[in-house]
Protein backbone atom coordinates (compact mmCIF):
# COMPACT_ATOMS: atom_id res chain seq x y z
CA MET A 1 -166.50 -38.40 103.41
CA GLY A 2 -166.56 -37.34 106.87
CA VAL A 3 -163.50 -37.56 109.19
CA PRO A 4 -162.69 -36.72 112.64
CA VAL A 5 -159.84 -34.86 114.32
CA ARG A 6 -158.36 -34.15 117.34
CA LEU A 7 -157.10 -30.72 117.55
CA ALA A 8 -154.17 -30.02 119.17
CA GLU A 9 -155.33 -26.94 121.16
CA PRO A 10 -159.27 -28.20 121.51
CA ALA A 11 -160.22 -24.60 122.54
CA ALA A 12 -160.43 -23.71 119.13
CA LEU A 13 -163.42 -25.51 118.99
CA ALA A 14 -165.21 -23.39 121.18
CA VAL A 15 -165.47 -20.69 118.21
CA LEU A 16 -166.14 -23.30 115.47
CA ARG A 17 -169.84 -24.00 114.46
CA PRO A 18 -171.49 -26.78 111.80
CA GLY A 19 -171.44 -25.12 108.46
CA ALA A 20 -168.36 -23.18 108.85
CA ARG A 21 -165.11 -23.90 106.61
CA VAL A 22 -161.68 -24.53 107.49
CA ASP A 23 -158.17 -25.25 106.47
CA LEU A 24 -156.42 -28.06 108.19
CA LEU A 25 -152.94 -28.29 109.16
CA VAL A 26 -150.52 -30.98 110.61
CA LEU A 27 -146.96 -30.87 111.97
CA PRO A 28 -146.62 -34.74 111.50
CA ALA A 29 -145.12 -36.18 115.02
CA GLY A 30 -141.27 -36.16 114.68
CA ARG A 31 -141.36 -32.66 113.31
CA SER A 32 -140.55 -30.17 115.99
CA ALA A 33 -139.85 -27.30 114.21
CA GLY A 34 -141.15 -26.02 110.51
CA ALA A 35 -143.90 -25.03 108.72
CA PRO A 36 -147.18 -27.22 109.19
CA VAL A 37 -148.48 -29.40 105.98
CA LEU A 38 -152.02 -28.03 104.26
CA LEU A 39 -153.87 -31.22 104.59
CA ALA A 40 -157.29 -29.63 103.26
CA ALA A 41 -158.02 -26.38 102.05
CA ASP A 42 -161.71 -24.97 102.71
CA ALA A 43 -163.42 -27.90 104.61
CA LEU A 44 -166.60 -27.97 105.65
CA VAL A 45 -167.42 -28.58 109.40
CA LEU A 46 -170.11 -31.22 110.12
CA ASP A 47 -170.20 -31.19 113.41
CA VAL A 48 -168.15 -30.05 116.93
CA VAL A 49 -168.36 -32.73 119.75
CA GLY A 50 -167.69 -31.93 123.60
CA ALA A 51 -166.12 -28.62 123.10
CA GLY A 52 -165.70 -28.08 126.44
CA ALA A 53 -164.54 -31.52 127.63
CA GLY A 54 -161.23 -31.38 129.07
CA ASP A 55 -160.94 -35.17 128.75
CA GLY A 56 -159.60 -35.47 125.32
CA SER A 57 -162.72 -36.69 123.78
CA SER A 58 -163.74 -33.51 122.15
CA ALA A 59 -163.35 -33.71 118.06
CA LEU A 60 -163.99 -31.77 114.57
CA TYR A 61 -165.61 -33.68 112.09
CA LEU A 62 -164.96 -32.22 108.65
CA ALA A 63 -166.32 -33.13 105.54
CA VAL A 64 -163.37 -33.84 102.90
CA ARG A 65 -162.05 -35.35 99.83
CA PRO A 66 -161.49 -39.32 100.07
CA ASP A 67 -157.36 -38.22 99.23
CA GLN A 68 -157.50 -35.65 102.02
CA ALA A 69 -159.40 -38.28 104.56
CA GLN A 70 -156.47 -40.56 103.60
CA ARG A 71 -153.82 -38.23 104.35
CA SER A 72 -155.34 -37.44 107.46
CA VAL A 73 -156.28 -40.54 108.70
CA GLY A 74 -152.70 -41.92 107.69
CA GLN A 75 -150.87 -39.04 110.22
CA PRO A 76 -148.22 -40.65 112.21
CA GLU A 77 -149.76 -40.70 115.97
CA GLY A 78 -148.40 -37.77 117.73
CA SER A 79 -149.44 -35.67 115.08
CA ARG A 80 -150.76 -32.33 115.70
CA PHE A 81 -153.75 -30.80 114.21
CA SER A 82 -154.84 -27.07 113.89
CA VAL A 83 -157.05 -25.27 111.89
CA VAL A 84 -157.47 -21.72 109.74
CA ILE A 85 -161.11 -20.48 110.19
CA ARG A 86 -161.88 -18.98 106.43
CA GLY A 87 -164.10 -15.56 106.63
């Protein structure tokens, strides 16, 4: 499934390209400290939209399993998403 993700640090989009592989992490809203939670390992980047946009319209589109997509979109509002780029 494809899922759009808005990263907490949109500048990371500048180094991502379709075909890259990433681990998707989240720090759920309300948790100010602690380790982020792994939502999807080795997810395929389908598209990167608005990498230079400063208006919040940028997004990363990832191919993930259905259960990973549900966990991603089911995060509370205000959760902070990040990615680790795989080599």
